[in-house]
Amino acid sequence: MPEPGAVASADPWGERMPRTVGLVDGIAVLVGITIGSGIFRVPATVAAQLQTPGPMILCWVLGGVIALFGALTVAELAGALPRSGGIFTWLLESFGPLPAFLFGWTELAVIRAASLGAISTIFAEYLGYFIPLTPMQVRYVAAAVIVIIGAMNYLGVRRAAAVMSVATIAKYAAVMGLGVLAFTVTRGGASHFTPAWSGGVHPSLLATALISVMWTYDGWADLSFIGGEVKNPQRTLPLALILGTACVMLVYLVVNLGFMYILTPQEMAGSHLIATTAAEHIPFFGGAGAAVIAAVVLLSTFSGLNGTMMTGPRIFFAMAERGLFFRSVARVSPRFQSPSVAIWLAVGLGVLYVLINDFAQLADKFVLGIWPFYALSVAGVFVLRRKRPDLPRPYRVWGYPTVPLLFLAASLGMVVNALWTDPWNTGVTLLITLAGVPLFYLWKLGNRAV
């Protein structure tokens, strides 16, 4: 008889952790991760780059459509292969261990720790609105909140998901409310939307602005990382990926239209804290607009940090389970049935990064680091349909093959444009990813020698 609290044997898909995350929780995880701090400042960046309402609205619509096309496509993989690690698993099945290892390496070396550091730093900075903090205290608070969120996730995904659902519902309502209330402002009006176009917009300029927009959408596929802990995964994962992405697209469009109603494109471009500027003009908030936005950002970043901690460690766990990382990282806590070592590894990296670097802007610089892997995942749909035609697929891509092909074209276009317009940061990101190639072969040699 198994001891109390022992981890159950593997399920039909090979997962050892309990499946406790339902549809509502899954949507909350996706929305909670995706809606972070970006929506409170990226609209100003887009306005500065594009300058007229037509291209600005087009950019946000394109961003939403790209993310939705991605979700519509990878939903097929999520339903067919509902495993921990999500993208890692799909790359492993489609293209073999090297691309999967490179994805895990990029997440480990840059993306996940940088995300934890960036989100926690923004949380601490906005906490400073209510409790004055020195720059060093901001870093300590950021590190402390990473530890607290990590401990909560260590206690089990069910608890973390419950907190996530409550926080995300409150955040979504607050952000949507901000967008809707913007239309009650008397100083605003339809005149801010004219002229919609002024001499057109250069495609390269639109693609550059789109990179910032896609940063606000980043997270649309992160639910897949906890695919091994989702209930009824063949139905729940595809639905949650598609519905969650659609919810994010809706609120982003409402918020941006609200900002444009209150402020002219020039005012938007000149306001770094655009959400605060907009809120200060909304009568409903009285004179407390800045405090309201600070509270919403605190809620938003807390929810995003919890979601990032829920999903990221599962990549390291999946790597270890498949023999591409230290076996100890695949340990499942017998008491809490969580990937304990993987979680504390993510906590340690996040704390280290936030204490020795200013990571408030780092996630922006590395946003393109994950896009080659998004593209490979989508390409994996084509590969697996040929390679494993008998694989059960409870959901098949709507609009196949047009939808995945359009996503691939958009992804390739963004990466090429980024290499052209910002070769330094884009090149550094790609070089860090490629640095994993020799590490992969060293790892293989080391395992062979054991």
Protein backbone atom coordinates (compact mmCIF):
# COMPACT_ATOMS: atom_id res chain seq x y z
CA MET A 1 0.00 0.00 0.00
CA PRO A 2 1.49 3.42 -0.92
CA GLU A 3 2.43 5.75 1.91
CA PRO A 4 0.17 8.77 2.56
CA GLY A 5 0.98 11.64 0.21
CA ALA A 6 2.95 9.43 -2.17
CA VAL A 7 3.05 10.47 -5.79
CA ALA A 8 0.73 8.43 -8.01
CA SER A 9 2.07 6.27 -10.80
CA ALA A 10 2.27 7.71 -14.31
CA ASP A 11 -1.00 8.32 -16.16
CA PRO A 12 -1.65 7.20 -19.78
CA TRP A 13 0.45 10.10 -21.08
CA GLY A 14 3.34 9.39 -18.71
CA GLU A 15 2.68 12.18 -16.19
CA ARG A 16 3.35 11.64 -12.48
CA MET A 17 1.67 14.76 -11.05
CA PRO A 18 -2.08 14.92 -10.34
CA ARG A 19 -4.35 16.54 -12.92
CA THR A 20 -6.19 19.19 -10.92
CA VAL A 21 -6.33 22.25 -13.21
CA GLY A 22 -9.75 22.73 -14.82
CA LEU A 23 -10.96 24.89 -17.71
CA VAL A 24 -11.59 28.08 -15.72
CA ASP A 25 -8.25 27.74 -13.95
CA GLY A 26 -6.53 27.11 -17.29
CA ILE A 27 -8.01 30.24 -18.87
CA ALA A 28 -7.04 32.19 -15.73
CA VAL A 29 -3.44 30.98 -15.98
CA LEU A 30 -3.16 32.05 -19.63
CA VAL A 31 -4.85 35.42 -19.11
CA GLY A 32 -3.00 36.04 -15.84
CA ILE A 33 0.41 35.46 -17.42
CA THR A 34 -0.32 37.37 -20.61
CA ILE A 35 -1.80 40.53 -19.10
CA GLY A 36 1.19 41.82 -17.17
CA SER A 37 2.76 45.26 -17.11
CA GLY A 38 3.09 45.71 -20.87
CA ILE A 39 -0.43 46.96 -21.55
CA PHE A 40 0.20 49.86 -19.15
CA ARG A 41 3.12 51.25 -21.18
CA VAL A 42 3.35 49.66 -24.64
CA PRO A 43 0.44 51.73 -26.08
CA ALA A 44 2.62 54.83 -25.64
CA THR A 45 5.49 53.12 -27.50
CA VAL A 46 3.20 52.12 -30.36
CA ALA A 47 1.78 55.66 -30.56
CA ALA A 48 5.29 57.14 -30.73
CA GLN A 49 6.26 54.79 -33.54
CA LEU A 50 3.08 54.88 -35.67
CA GLN A 51 1.64 58.33 -34.76
CA THR A 52 -1.83 57.98 -36.29
CA PRO A 53 -4.88 56.00 -35.06
CA GLY A 54 -5.31 53.77 -38.12
CA PRO A 55 -1.88 52.11 -38.02
CA MET A 56 -2.04 51.96 -34.20
CA ILE A 57 -5.35 50.07 -34.21
CA LEU A 58 -4.13 47.87 -37.07
CA CYS A 59 -1.01 46.96 -35.08
CA TRP A 60 -3.02 45.85 -32.03
CA VAL A 61 -5.47 43.89 -34.19
CA LEU A 62 -2.61 42.19 -36.05
CA GLY A 63 -0.95 41.30 -32.75
CA GLY A 64 -4.15 39.72 -31.48
CA VAL A 65 -4.75 37.82 -34.71
CA ILE A 66 -1.17 36.46 -34.73
CA ALA A 67 -1.49 35.28 -31.13
CA LEU A 68 -4.92 33.79 -31.82
CA PHE A 69 -3.64 31.98 -34.94
CA GLY A 70 -0.80 30.60 -32.81
CA ALA A 71 -3.24 29.41 -30.15
CA LEU A 72 -5.57 27.87 -32.75
CA THR A 73 -2.60 25.90 -34.09
CA VAL A 74 -0.78 24.72 -30.97
CA ALA A 75 -4.14 23.71 -29.47
CA GLU A 76 -3.90 20.65 -31.74
CA LEU A 77 -0.54 19.72 -30.22
CA ALA A 78 -1.75 20.43 -26.67
CA GLY A 79 -4.73 18.12 -27.09
CA ALA A 80 -2.69 15.37 -28.73
CA LEU A 81 0.33 15.59 -26.39
CA PRO A 82 -0.88 16.91 -23.00
CA ARG A 83 2.49 16.66 -21.26
CA SER A 84 4.45 18.83 -18.85
CA GLY A 85 6.74 21.22 -20.66
CA GLY A 86 4.34 21.97 -23.52
CA ILE A 87 6.49 23.49 -26.26
CA PHE A 88 9.48 21.46 -25.06
CA THR A 89 7.50 18.23 -25.52
CA TRP A 90 6.17 19.24 -28.94
CA LEU A 91 9.66 20.13 -30.21
CA LEU A 92 11.03 16.86 -28.88
CA GLU A 93 8.33 14.84 -30.63
CA SER A 94 8.49 16.84 -33.88
CA PHE A 95 12.17 17.65 -34.38
CA GLY A 96 14.14 15.64 -31.82
CA PRO A 97 16.22 16.47 -28.74
CA LEU A 98 18.43 19.33 -30.03
CA PRO A 99 15.68 21.94 -30.72
CA ALA A 100 13.92 20.87 -27.52
CA PHE A 101 17.14 21.29 -25.54
CA LEU A 102 17.76 24.72 -27.10
CA PHE A 103 14.29 25.83 -26.04
CA GLY A 104 14.88 24.63 -22.48
CA TRP A 105 18.34 26.22 -22.43
CA THR A 106 16.98 29.59 -23.62
CA GLU A 107 14.24 29.48 -20.98
CA LEU A 108 16.76 28.53 -18.29
CA ALA A 109 19.51 30.98 -19.25
CA VAL A 110 17.45 34.04 -20.14
CA ILE A 111 13.72 34.08 -20.60
CA ARG A 112 12.24 32.60 -17.43
CA ALA A 113 14.60 34.17 -14.90
CA ALA A 114 14.45 37.51 -16.75
CA SER A 115 10.65 37.38 -16.72
CA LEU A 116 10.54 36.65 -13.00
CA GLY A 117 13.03 39.44 -12.37
CA ALA A 118 11.23 41.96 -14.57
CA ILE A 119 7.73 41.27 -13.24
CA SER A 120 8.79 41.24 -9.59
CA THR A 121 10.76 44.48 -10.05
CA ILE A 122 7.74 46.25 -11.53
CA PHE A 123 5.61 44.90 -8.66
CA ALA A 124 8.07 46.34 -6.13
CA GLU A 125 8.32 49.68 -7.95
CA TYR A 126 4.55 50.16 -7.90
CA LEU A 127 4.37 49.03 -4.27
CA GLY A 128 6.66 52.01 -3.69
CA TYR A 129 3.72 54.26 -4.60
CA PHE A 130 2.06 53.24 -1.31
CA ILE A 131 5.17 52.41 0.76
CA PRO A 132 8.25 54.54 -0.03
CA LEU A 133 11.17 52.29 -1.01
CA THR A 134 14.79 53.01 -1.86
CA PRO A 135 16.20 51.47 -5.08
CA MET A 136 17.92 48.73 -3.06
CA GLN A 137 14.74 48.05 -1.08
CA VAL A 138 12.89 47.66 -4.40
CA ARG A 139 15.29 44.83 -5.26
CA TYR A 140 14.87 43.19 -1.86
CA VAL A 141 11.07 43.36 -2.11
CA ALA A 142 11.23 41.94 -5.64
CA ALA A 143 13.39 39.05 -4.43
CA ALA A 144 11.10 38.43 -1.45
CA VAL A 145 7.95 38.25 -3.58
CA ILE A 146 9.64 35.69 -5.89
CA VAL A 147 10.37 33.52 -2.82
CA ILE A 148 6.79 33.89 -1.53
CA ILE A 149 5.27 32.99 -4.90
CA GLY A 150 7.69 30.07 -5.20
CA ALA A 151 6.69 28.75 -1.77
CA MET A 152 3.01 29.00 -2.70
CA ASN A 153 3.63 26.97 -5.86
CA TYR A 154 5.72 24.44 -3.95
CA LEU A 155 2.66 23.77 -1.79
CA GLY A 156 0.85 22.50 -4.89
CA VAL A 157 -0.58 23.62 -8.22
CA ARG A 158 -4.16 23.42 -6.90
CA ARG A 159 -3.51 26.18 -4.34
CA ALA A 160 -1.56 28.27 -6.83
CA ALA A 161 -4.30 27.86 -9.46
CA ALA A 162 -7.01 28.89 -6.98
CA VAL A 163 -5.11 32.09 -6.13
CA MET A 164 -4.47 32.62 -9.84
CA SER A 165 -8.16 32.39 -10.73
CA VAL A 166 -9.24 34.95 -8.12
CA ALA A 167 -6.40 37.37 -8.95
CA THR A 168 -6.92 37.07 -12.71
CA ILE A 169 -10.69 37.64 -12.57
CA ALA A 170 -10.10 40.76 -10.47
CA LYS A 171 -7.33 41.94 -12.81
CA TYR A 172 -9.35 41.35 -15.97
CA ALA A 173 -12.33 43.21 -14.54
CA ALA A 174 -10.10 46.11 -13.50
CA VAL A 175 -8.33 46.42 -16.86
CA MET A 176 -11.58 46.06 -18.82
CA GLY A 177 -13.19 48.61 -16.49
CA LEU A 178 -10.39 51.08 -17.21
CA GLY A 179 -11.03 50.74 -20.95
CA VAL A 180 -14.81 51.06 -20.67
CA LEU A 181 -14.71 54.00 -18.22
CA ALA A 182 -12.43 55.86 -20.62
CA PHE A 183 -15.48 56.49 -22.80
CA THR A 184 -17.12 58.49 -19.98
CA VAL A 185 -14.50 61.24 -20.26
CA THR A 186 -15.92 64.52 -21.55
CA ARG A 187 -12.61 65.80 -22.97
CA GLY A 188 -12.34 62.80 -25.28
CA GLY A 189 -14.13 62.15 -28.52
CA ALA A 190 -14.20 60.68 -31.98
CA SER A 191 -12.04 63.55 -33.22
CA HIS A 192 -9.00 61.75 -31.75
CA PHE A 193 -9.49 59.03 -34.36
CA THR A 194 -9.19 61.40 -37.33
CA PRO A 195 -7.37 61.52 -39.57
CA ALA A 196 -7.09 57.75 -39.27
CA TRP A 197 -4.28 57.57 -41.80
CA SER A 198 -1.73 60.21 -42.67
CA GLY A 199 0.31 59.17 -45.69
CA GLY A 200 0.25 55.45 -44.85
CA VAL A 201 2.78 53.55 -42.79
CA HIS A 202 5.97 51.76 -43.79
CA PRO A 203 5.70 47.95 -43.33
CA SER A 204 9.03 47.85 -41.47
CA LEU A 205 7.80 50.49 -39.01
CA LEU A 206 4.60 48.51 -38.44
CA ALA A 207 6.64 45.32 -37.90
CA THR A 208 8.87 47.10 -35.38
CA ALA A 209 5.87 48.35 -33.41
CA LEU A 210 4.39 44.86 -33.65
CA ILE A 211 7.33 43.45 -31.66
CA SER A 212 6.33 45.59 -28.67
CA VAL A 213 2.70 44.57 -29.09
CA MET A 214 3.66 40.88 -29.21
CA TRP A 215 5.51 41.35 -25.92
CA THR A 216 2.17 42.23 -24.32
CA TYR A 217 0.69 39.04 -25.84
CA ASP A 218 3.58 36.85 -24.75
CA GLY A 219 2.18 34.12 -22.54
CA TRP A 220 -0.52 32.93 -24.94
CA ALA A 221 1.15 29.48 -25.09
CA ASP A 222 2.43 29.22 -21.51
CA LEU A 223 -0.56 27.23 -20.28
CA SER A 224 0.87 24.30 -22.26
CA PHE A 225 3.78 24.06 -19.81
CA ILE A 226 1.44 22.68 -17.13
CA GLY A 227 -0.25 20.35 -19.65
CA GLY A 228 0.62 17.39 -17.42
CA GLU A 229 -1.56 18.77 -14.60
CA VAL A 230 -4.70 19.72 -16.54
CA LYS A 231 -7.92 17.75 -16.07
CA ASN A 232 -9.54 16.22 -19.15
CA PRO A 233 -6.60 17.68 -21.10
CA GLN A 234 -7.67 16.71 -24.60
CA ARG A 235 -10.68 18.99 -24.30
CA THR A 236 -9.56 21.49 -21.66
CA LEU A 237 -6.19 22.50 -23.13
CA PRO A 238 -7.40 23.42 -26.66
CA LEU A 239 -10.42 25.30 -25.26
CA ALA A 240 -8.40 27.18 -22.64
CA LEU A 241 -5.68 28.18 -25.14
CA ILE A 242 -8.18 29.54 -27.67
CA LEU A 243 -10.65 31.17 -25.27
CA GLY A 244 -7.91 32.65 -23.09
CA THR A 245 -6.14 34.24 -26.07
CA ALA A 246 -9.44 35.63 -27.38
CA CYS A 247 -10.16 37.17 -23.95
CA VAL A 248 -6.79 38.91 -23.96
CA MET A 249 -7.30 40.21 -27.50
CA LEU A 250 -10.70 41.65 -26.52
CA VAL A 251 -9.49 43.53 -23.44
CA TYR A 252 -6.42 44.91 -25.22
CA LEU A 253 -8.56 46.36 -28.01
CA VAL A 254 -11.01 47.91 -25.54
CA VAL A 255 -8.21 49.46 -23.46
CA ASN A 256 -6.40 50.88 -26.48
CA LEU A 257 -9.57 52.34 -27.97
CA GLY A 258 -10.28 53.86 -24.56
CA PHE A 259 -6.81 55.43 -24.39
CA MET A 260 -7.29 56.83 -27.91
CA TYR A 261 -10.66 58.26 -26.93
CA ILE A 262 -9.14 60.18 -24.01
CA LEU A 263 -5.78 61.16 -25.52
CA THR A 264 -4.56 62.22 -28.93
CA PRO A 265 -1.80 60.07 -30.49
CA GLN A 266 0.69 62.82 -29.64
CA GLU A 267 -0.41 62.86 -25.99
CA MET A 268 -0.22 59.08 -25.88
CA ALA A 269 3.30 59.10 -27.32
CA GLY A 270 4.45 61.65 -24.75
CA SER A 271 3.06 59.77 -21.75
CA HIS A 272 5.38 57.02 -20.47
CA LEU A 273 2.82 56.10 -17.77
CA ILE A 274 -0.07 56.20 -20.20
CA ALA A 275 -2.53 54.27 -18.02
CA THR A 276 -2.00 56.73 -15.15
CA THR A 277 -2.43 59.69 -17.50
CA ALA A 278 -5.68 58.24 -18.84
CA ALA A 279 -7.02 57.38 -15.38
CA GLU A 280 -6.43 60.91 -14.12
CA HIS A 281 -9.00 62.15 -16.69
CA ILE A 282 -11.71 59.61 -15.75
CA PRO A 283 -14.34 61.29 -13.50
CA PHE A 284 -15.23 58.00 -11.77
CA PHE A 285 -11.80 57.89 -10.10
CA GLY A 286 -11.97 61.45 -8.80
CA GLY A 287 -8.45 62.52 -7.98
CA ALA A 288 -7.26 58.97 -7.21
CA GLY A 289 -6.40 57.93 -10.77
CA ALA A 290 -2.70 57.35 -10.08
CA ALA A 291 -3.45 55.29 -6.96
CA VAL A 292 -6.01 53.19 -8.84
CA ILE A 293 -3.54 52.39 -11.62
CA ALA A 294 -0.79 51.56 -9.11
CA ALA A 295 -3.16 49.11 -7.41
CA VAL A 296 -4.18 47.55 -10.74
CA VAL A 297 -0.52 47.13 -11.75
CA LEU A 298 0.23 45.50 -8.38
CA LEU A 299 -2.62 43.05 -8.92
CA SER A 300 -1.60 42.47 -12.53
CA THR A 301 2.06 41.80 -11.80
CA PHE A 302 1.26 39.56 -8.82
CA SER A 303 -1.01 37.45 -11.01
CA GLY A 304 1.58 37.39 -13.81
CA LEU A 305 4.37 36.41 -11.45
CA ASN A 306 2.29 33.56 -10.00
CA GLY A 307 1.47 32.30 -13.50
CA THR A 308 5.09 32.49 -14.58
CA MET A 309 6.13 30.50 -11.52
CA MET A 310 3.38 27.94 -12.16
CA THR A 311 4.44 27.30 -15.74
CA GLY A 312 8.18 27.94 -16.12
CA PRO A 313 9.54 25.27 -13.76
CA ARG A 314 7.57 22.62 -15.65
CA ILE A 315 9.93 23.14 -18.60
CA PHE A 316 12.95 22.29 -16.45
CA PHE A 317 11.02 19.36 -14.94
CA ALA A 318 10.19 18.01 -18.41
CA MET A 319 13.81 18.39 -19.57
CA ALA A 320 15.02 16.39 -16.58
CA GLU A 321 12.38 13.68 -17.07
CA ARG A 322 13.51 13.19 -20.68
CA GLY A 323 17.20 12.98 -19.75
CA LEU A 324 18.16 16.44 -21.04
CA PHE A 325 18.83 17.99 -17.63
CA PHE A 326 19.90 16.85 -14.16
CA ARG A 327 17.65 14.00 -13.02
CA SER A 328 17.18 15.55 -9.59
CA VAL A 329 15.22 18.41 -11.19
CA ALA A 330 12.51 15.86 -12.12
CA ARG A 331 11.77 15.18 -8.44
CA VAL A 332 8.11 15.40 -7.45
CA SER A 333 7.40 16.28 -3.81
CA PRO A 334 5.73 13.23 -2.19
CA ARG A 335 3.77 15.51 0.15
CA PHE A 336 2.68 18.34 -2.15
CA GLN A 337 2.93 16.55 -5.52
CA SER A 338 4.71 19.52 -7.11
CA PRO A 339 8.00 19.65 -9.07
CA SER A 340 9.83 20.89 -6.00
CA VAL A 341 13.42 21.07 -7.24
CA ALA A 342 12.39 22.75 -10.52
CA ILE A 343 10.39 25.37 -8.63
CA TRP A 344 13.24 26.23 -6.25
CA LEU A 345 15.66 26.34 -9.19
CA ALA A 346 13.43 28.97 -10.84
CA VAL A 347 13.19 30.86 -7.54
CA GLY A 348 16.96 30.86 -7.12
CA LEU A 349 17.59 32.11 -10.66
CA GLY A 350 14.93 34.81 -10.37
CA VAL A 351 16.30 36.08 -7.04
CA LEU A 352 19.87 36.06 -8.34
CA TYR A 353 18.94 38.00 -11.46
CA VAL A 354 16.87 40.59 -9.64
CA LEU A 355 19.54 41.26 -7.01
CA ILE A 356 22.43 41.79 -9.41
CA ASN A 357 20.67 43.43 -12.38
CA ASP A 358 18.05 45.98 -13.28
CA PHE A 359 15.57 43.73 -15.03
CA ALA A 360 12.64 46.09 -15.46
CA GLN A 361 13.39 46.33 -19.21
CA LEU A 362 15.19 43.02 -19.80
CA ALA A 363 12.14 41.03 -20.88
CA ASP A 364 11.61 43.50 -23.74
CA LYS A 365 15.10 42.89 -25.11
CA PHE A 366 14.67 39.14 -25.14
CA VAL A 367 11.07 38.98 -26.34
CA LEU A 368 12.16 37.57 -29.70
CA GLY A 369 14.16 34.79 -28.03
CA ILE A 370 11.09 32.58 -27.80
CA TRP A 371 9.57 33.36 -31.21
CA PRO A 372 11.73 30.93 -33.22
CA PHE A 373 10.42 28.21 -30.89
CA TYR A 374 6.82 29.36 -31.31
CA ALA A 375 7.37 29.06 -35.05
CA LEU A 376 8.94 25.61 -34.72
CA SER A 377 6.03 24.47 -32.55
CA VAL A 378 3.53 25.57 -35.18
CA ALA A 379 5.63 23.88 -37.88
CA GLY A 380 5.48 20.77 -35.71
CA VAL A 381 1.78 20.44 -36.58
CA PHE A 382 2.76 19.77 -40.20
CA VAL A 383 5.61 17.45 -39.16
CA LEU A 384 3.56 15.34 -36.75
CA ARG A 385 0.63 14.99 -39.16
CA ARG A 386 3.08 13.31 -41.53
CA LYS A 387 5.27 11.60 -38.93
CA ARG A 388 2.50 10.34 -36.62
CA PRO A 389 -0.76 10.28 -38.61
CA ASP A 390 -2.37 7.86 -36.14
CA LEU A 391 -1.80 10.13 -33.11
CA PRO A 392 -5.23 10.85 -31.53
CA ARG A 393 -6.15 14.47 -32.27
CA PRO A 394 -9.36 15.44 -30.45
CA TYR A 395 -8.96 18.95 -31.91
CA ARG A 396 -7.58 19.74 -35.36
CA VAL A 397 -6.41 23.20 -36.39
CA TRP A 398 -9.24 25.38 -37.62
CA GLY A 399 -8.33 26.78 -41.05
CA TYR A 400 -5.50 24.30 -41.68
CA PRO A 401 -3.10 24.84 -43.43
CA THR A 402 -3.77 28.59 -43.94
CA VAL A 403 -3.86 29.60 -40.27
CA PRO A 404 -0.52 27.98 -39.27
CA LEU A 405 1.13 29.19 -42.48
CA LEU A 406 0.07 32.79 -41.80
CA PHE A 407 1.44 32.51 -38.24
CA LEU A 408 4.75 31.18 -39.58
CA ALA A 409 4.97 34.03 -42.11
CA ALA A 410 4.29 36.64 -39.41
CA SER A 411 6.85 35.09 -37.04
CA LEU A 412 9.53 34.95 -39.71
CA GLY A 413 8.77 38.53 -40.74
CA MET A 414 9.14 39.82 -37.16
CA VAL A 415 12.45 38.03 -36.59
CA VAL A 416 13.92 39.19 -39.92
CA ASN A 417 12.75 42.76 -39.33
CA ALA A 418 14.24 42.71 -35.81
CA LEU A 419 17.58 41.53 -37.19
CA TRP A 420 17.45 44.37 -39.72
CA THR A 421 16.34 47.19 -37.40
CA ASP A 422 17.95 46.08 -34.10
CA PRO A 423 20.79 43.71 -35.03
CA TRP A 424 22.63 44.05 -31.70
CA ASN A 425 19.92 43.00 -29.22
CA THR A 426 18.37 40.47 -31.62
CA GLY A 427 21.78 39.03 -32.49
CA VAL A 428 22.77 38.68 -28.82
CA THR A 429 19.51 36.87 -28.09
CA LEU A 430 20.00 34.43 -30.97
CA LEU A 431 23.66 33.87 -30.02
CA ILE A 432 22.64 32.97 -26.46
CA THR A 433 20.21 30.44 -27.91
CA LEU A 434 22.86 28.98 -30.26
CA ALA A 435 25.32 28.74 -27.35
CA GLY A 436 23.17 25.82 -26.26
CA VAL A 437 24.31 23.73 -29.24
CA PRO A 438 27.78 22.87 -27.85
CA LEU A 439 26.22 22.44 -24.40
CA PHE A 440 23.81 19.89 -25.85
CA TYR A 441 26.64 17.79 -27.30
CA LEU A 442 28.69 18.13 -24.10
CA TRP A 443 25.65 16.89 -22.17
CA LYS A 444 25.31 13.91 -24.49
CA LEU A 445 29.00 13.09 -24.11
CA GLY A 446 28.75 13.37 -20.35
CA ASN A 447 25.75 11.04 -20.21
CA ARG A 448 27.50 8.55 -22.49
CA ALA A 449 30.54 8.53 -20.22
CA VAL A 450 28.49 7.76 -17.10
